[in-house]
């Protein structure tokens, strides 16, 4: 059991290192968004399976949990490549320079990158719960 836990820890650590997940969020002024909640997944051109799973699970969660708000434009999900002009520009404005899953409402920024990389593949239900717990207070 101890060996299995050690191997699991090493695999998670390697995934975060190889994906260059952002753990320190720099302070920056968010783009005004009229009070709407915007979920951004910033990524690079070359991505591992975990990076793709974080995007897919985050998108699925937004569409499933907040279908009505997505339809009305109150919540949005956008994936952006940091190596392309649009992604790079918005990334600079939000203080993002590597793979990052960010929830933005006005000047509030909630970085859930670590949770995404930790749970999207191995515990998707836990990832759904984390996203819901961070977004729900922003839409009430």
Protein backbone atom coordinates (compact mmCIF):
# COMPACT_ATOMS: atom_id res chain seq x y z
CA UNK A 1 0.00 0.00 0.00
CA UNK A 2 2.81 2.40 0.90
CA UNK A 3 4.52 1.64 -2.40
CA UNK A 4 1.29 2.34 -4.30
CA UNK A 5 0.89 5.68 -2.54
CA UNK A 6 4.49 6.60 -3.31
CA UNK A 7 4.04 5.75 -6.97
CA UNK A 8 0.77 7.72 -7.11
CA UNK A 9 2.42 10.75 -5.55
CA UNK A 10 5.32 10.58 -8.00
CA UNK A 11 2.97 10.31 -10.99
CA UNK A 12 0.93 13.30 -9.84
CA UNK A 13 4.08 15.33 -9.22
CA UNK A 14 5.46 14.42 -12.64
CA UNK A 15 2.20 15.35 -14.35
CA UNK A 16 2.28 18.77 -12.71
CA UNK A 17 5.93 19.31 -13.57
CA UNK A 18 5.64 18.05 -17.13
CA UNK A 19 2.53 20.12 -17.74
CA UNK A 20 4.13 23.14 -16.10
CA UNK A 21 0.97 23.77 -14.09
CA UNK A 22 0.88 27.25 -12.64
CA UNK A 23 0.80 27.26 -8.86
CA UNK A 24 1.56 30.88 -8.05
CA UNK A 25 -0.97 33.35 -9.34
CA UNK A 26 0.42 36.82 -9.86
CA UNK A 27 -1.80 39.72 -8.99
CA UNK A 28 -3.23 41.47 -12.03
CA UNK A 29 -6.30 43.43 -12.90
CA UNK A 30 -8.98 41.27 -14.48
CA UNK A 31 -10.78 42.34 -17.59
CA UNK A 32 -14.18 43.86 -16.75
CA UNK A 33 -16.88 41.36 -17.63
CA UNK A 34 -20.13 42.99 -16.51
CA UNK A 35 -20.53 40.73 -13.49
CA UNK A 36 -20.53 37.50 -15.49
CA UNK A 37 -18.49 34.48 -14.43
CA UNK A 38 -15.84 33.49 -16.93
CA UNK A 39 -13.90 30.25 -16.66
CA UNK A 40 -10.66 30.23 -18.62
CA UNK A 41 -8.41 27.29 -19.32
CA UNK A 42 -5.05 28.50 -20.57
CA UNK A 43 -2.82 25.90 -22.22
CA UNK A 44 0.16 25.51 -24.51
CA UNK A 45 0.13 24.06 -28.03
CA UNK A 46 1.67 20.75 -26.98
CA UNK A 47 -0.43 19.13 -24.26
CA UNK A 48 -0.39 15.87 -22.36
CA UNK A 49 -3.43 13.68 -21.71
CA UNK A 50 -3.97 15.24 -18.29
CA UNK A 51 -3.95 18.76 -19.73
CA UNK A 52 -6.61 17.75 -22.25
CA UNK A 53 -8.65 16.02 -19.54
CA UNK A 54 -8.64 19.13 -17.34
CA UNK A 55 -10.07 21.15 -20.22
CA UNK A 56 -12.66 18.52 -21.14
CA UNK A 57 -13.84 17.98 -17.56
CA UNK A 58 -13.98 21.71 -16.80
CA UNK A 59 -16.01 22.38 -19.96
CA UNK A 60 -18.33 19.45 -19.20
CA UNK A 61 -18.86 20.67 -15.63
CA UNK A 62 -19.74 24.20 -16.74
CA UNK A 63 -22.16 22.95 -19.39
CA UNK A 64 -23.75 20.41 -17.03
CA UNK A 65 -23.96 22.42 -13.80
CA UNK A 66 -24.80 25.81 -15.29
CA UNK A 67 -26.66 25.08 -18.54
CA UNK A 68 -29.17 27.91 -18.05
CA UNK A 69 -26.49 30.47 -17.18
CA UNK A 70 -24.40 29.38 -20.18
CA UNK A 71 -27.41 29.90 -22.46
CA UNK A 72 -27.97 33.41 -21.09
CA UNK A 73 -24.26 34.28 -21.17
CA UNK A 74 -23.93 34.65 -17.40
CA UNK A 75 -21.27 31.93 -17.32
CA UNK A 76 -18.81 31.06 -20.04
CA UNK A 77 -15.96 28.64 -20.58
CA UNK A 78 -13.09 29.53 -22.88
CA UNK A 79 -9.95 27.55 -23.67
CA UNK A 80 -7.04 29.67 -24.87
CA UNK A 81 -3.65 28.76 -26.26
CA UNK A 82 -0.96 30.89 -24.61
CA UNK A 83 1.20 30.52 -27.71
CA UNK A 84 -1.37 32.31 -29.87
CA UNK A 85 -2.01 36.07 -29.88
CA UNK A 86 -5.43 36.06 -28.18
CA UNK A 87 -4.39 33.65 -25.43
CA UNK A 88 -1.10 35.42 -24.84
CA UNK A 89 -2.76 38.83 -24.60
CA UNK A 90 -5.46 37.76 -22.16
CA UNK A 91 -2.97 35.66 -20.24
CA UNK A 92 -0.75 38.70 -19.71
CA UNK A 93 -3.71 40.77 -18.52
CA UNK A 94 -4.70 38.07 -16.02
CA UNK A 95 -1.13 37.29 -14.92
CA UNK A 96 -1.12 33.81 -16.47
CA UNK A 97 1.93 32.34 -18.20
CA UNK A 98 1.38 28.56 -18.14
CA UNK A 99 -1.40 25.98 -17.92
CA UNK A 100 -4.01 27.54 -15.67
CA UNK A 101 -7.66 26.98 -14.88
CA UNK A 102 -9.03 30.29 -13.71
CA UNK A 103 -12.48 31.45 -12.60
CA UNK A 104 -12.95 35.20 -13.07
CA UNK A 105 -15.74 37.49 -11.95
CA UNK A 106 -14.99 41.20 -12.03
CA UNK A 107 -11.76 41.66 -10.10
CA UNK A 108 -12.02 38.27 -8.39
CA UNK A 109 -9.78 35.48 -9.67
CA UNK A 110 -9.90 31.94 -8.35
CA UNK A 111 -7.12 29.66 -9.52
CA UNK A 112 -8.17 26.00 -9.43
CA UNK A 113 -5.35 24.65 -11.57
CA UNK A 114 -3.99 22.33 -8.89
CA UNK A 115 -7.42 20.85 -8.20
CA UNK A 116 -7.96 20.33 -11.91
CA UNK A 117 -4.71 18.45 -12.37
CA UNK A 118 -5.24 16.48 -9.18
CA UNK A 119 -8.84 15.37 -9.77
CA UNK A 120 -9.88 15.68 -13.44
CA UNK A 121 -8.61 12.22 -14.40
CA UNK A 122 -8.59 10.25 -11.15
CA UNK A 123 -11.63 11.72 -9.35
CA UNK A 124 -13.80 13.65 -11.81
CA UNK A 125 -16.72 13.82 -9.34
CA UNK A 126 -14.43 15.52 -6.80
CA UNK A 127 -13.36 17.98 -9.50
CA UNK A 128 -17.03 18.73 -10.23
CA UNK A 129 -17.60 19.41 -6.52
CA UNK A 130 -14.60 21.75 -6.35
CA UNK A 131 -15.77 23.74 -9.36
CA UNK A 132 -19.31 23.99 -7.99
CA UNK A 133 -18.06 25.12 -4.57
CA UNK A 134 -16.00 27.91 -6.17
CA UNK A 135 -18.55 29.09 -8.75
CA UNK A 136 -21.83 28.89 -6.80
CA UNK A 137 -20.97 31.78 -4.43
CA UNK A 138 -20.12 33.97 -7.44
CA UNK A 139 -23.51 33.58 -9.11
CA UNK A 140 -25.72 34.16 -6.07
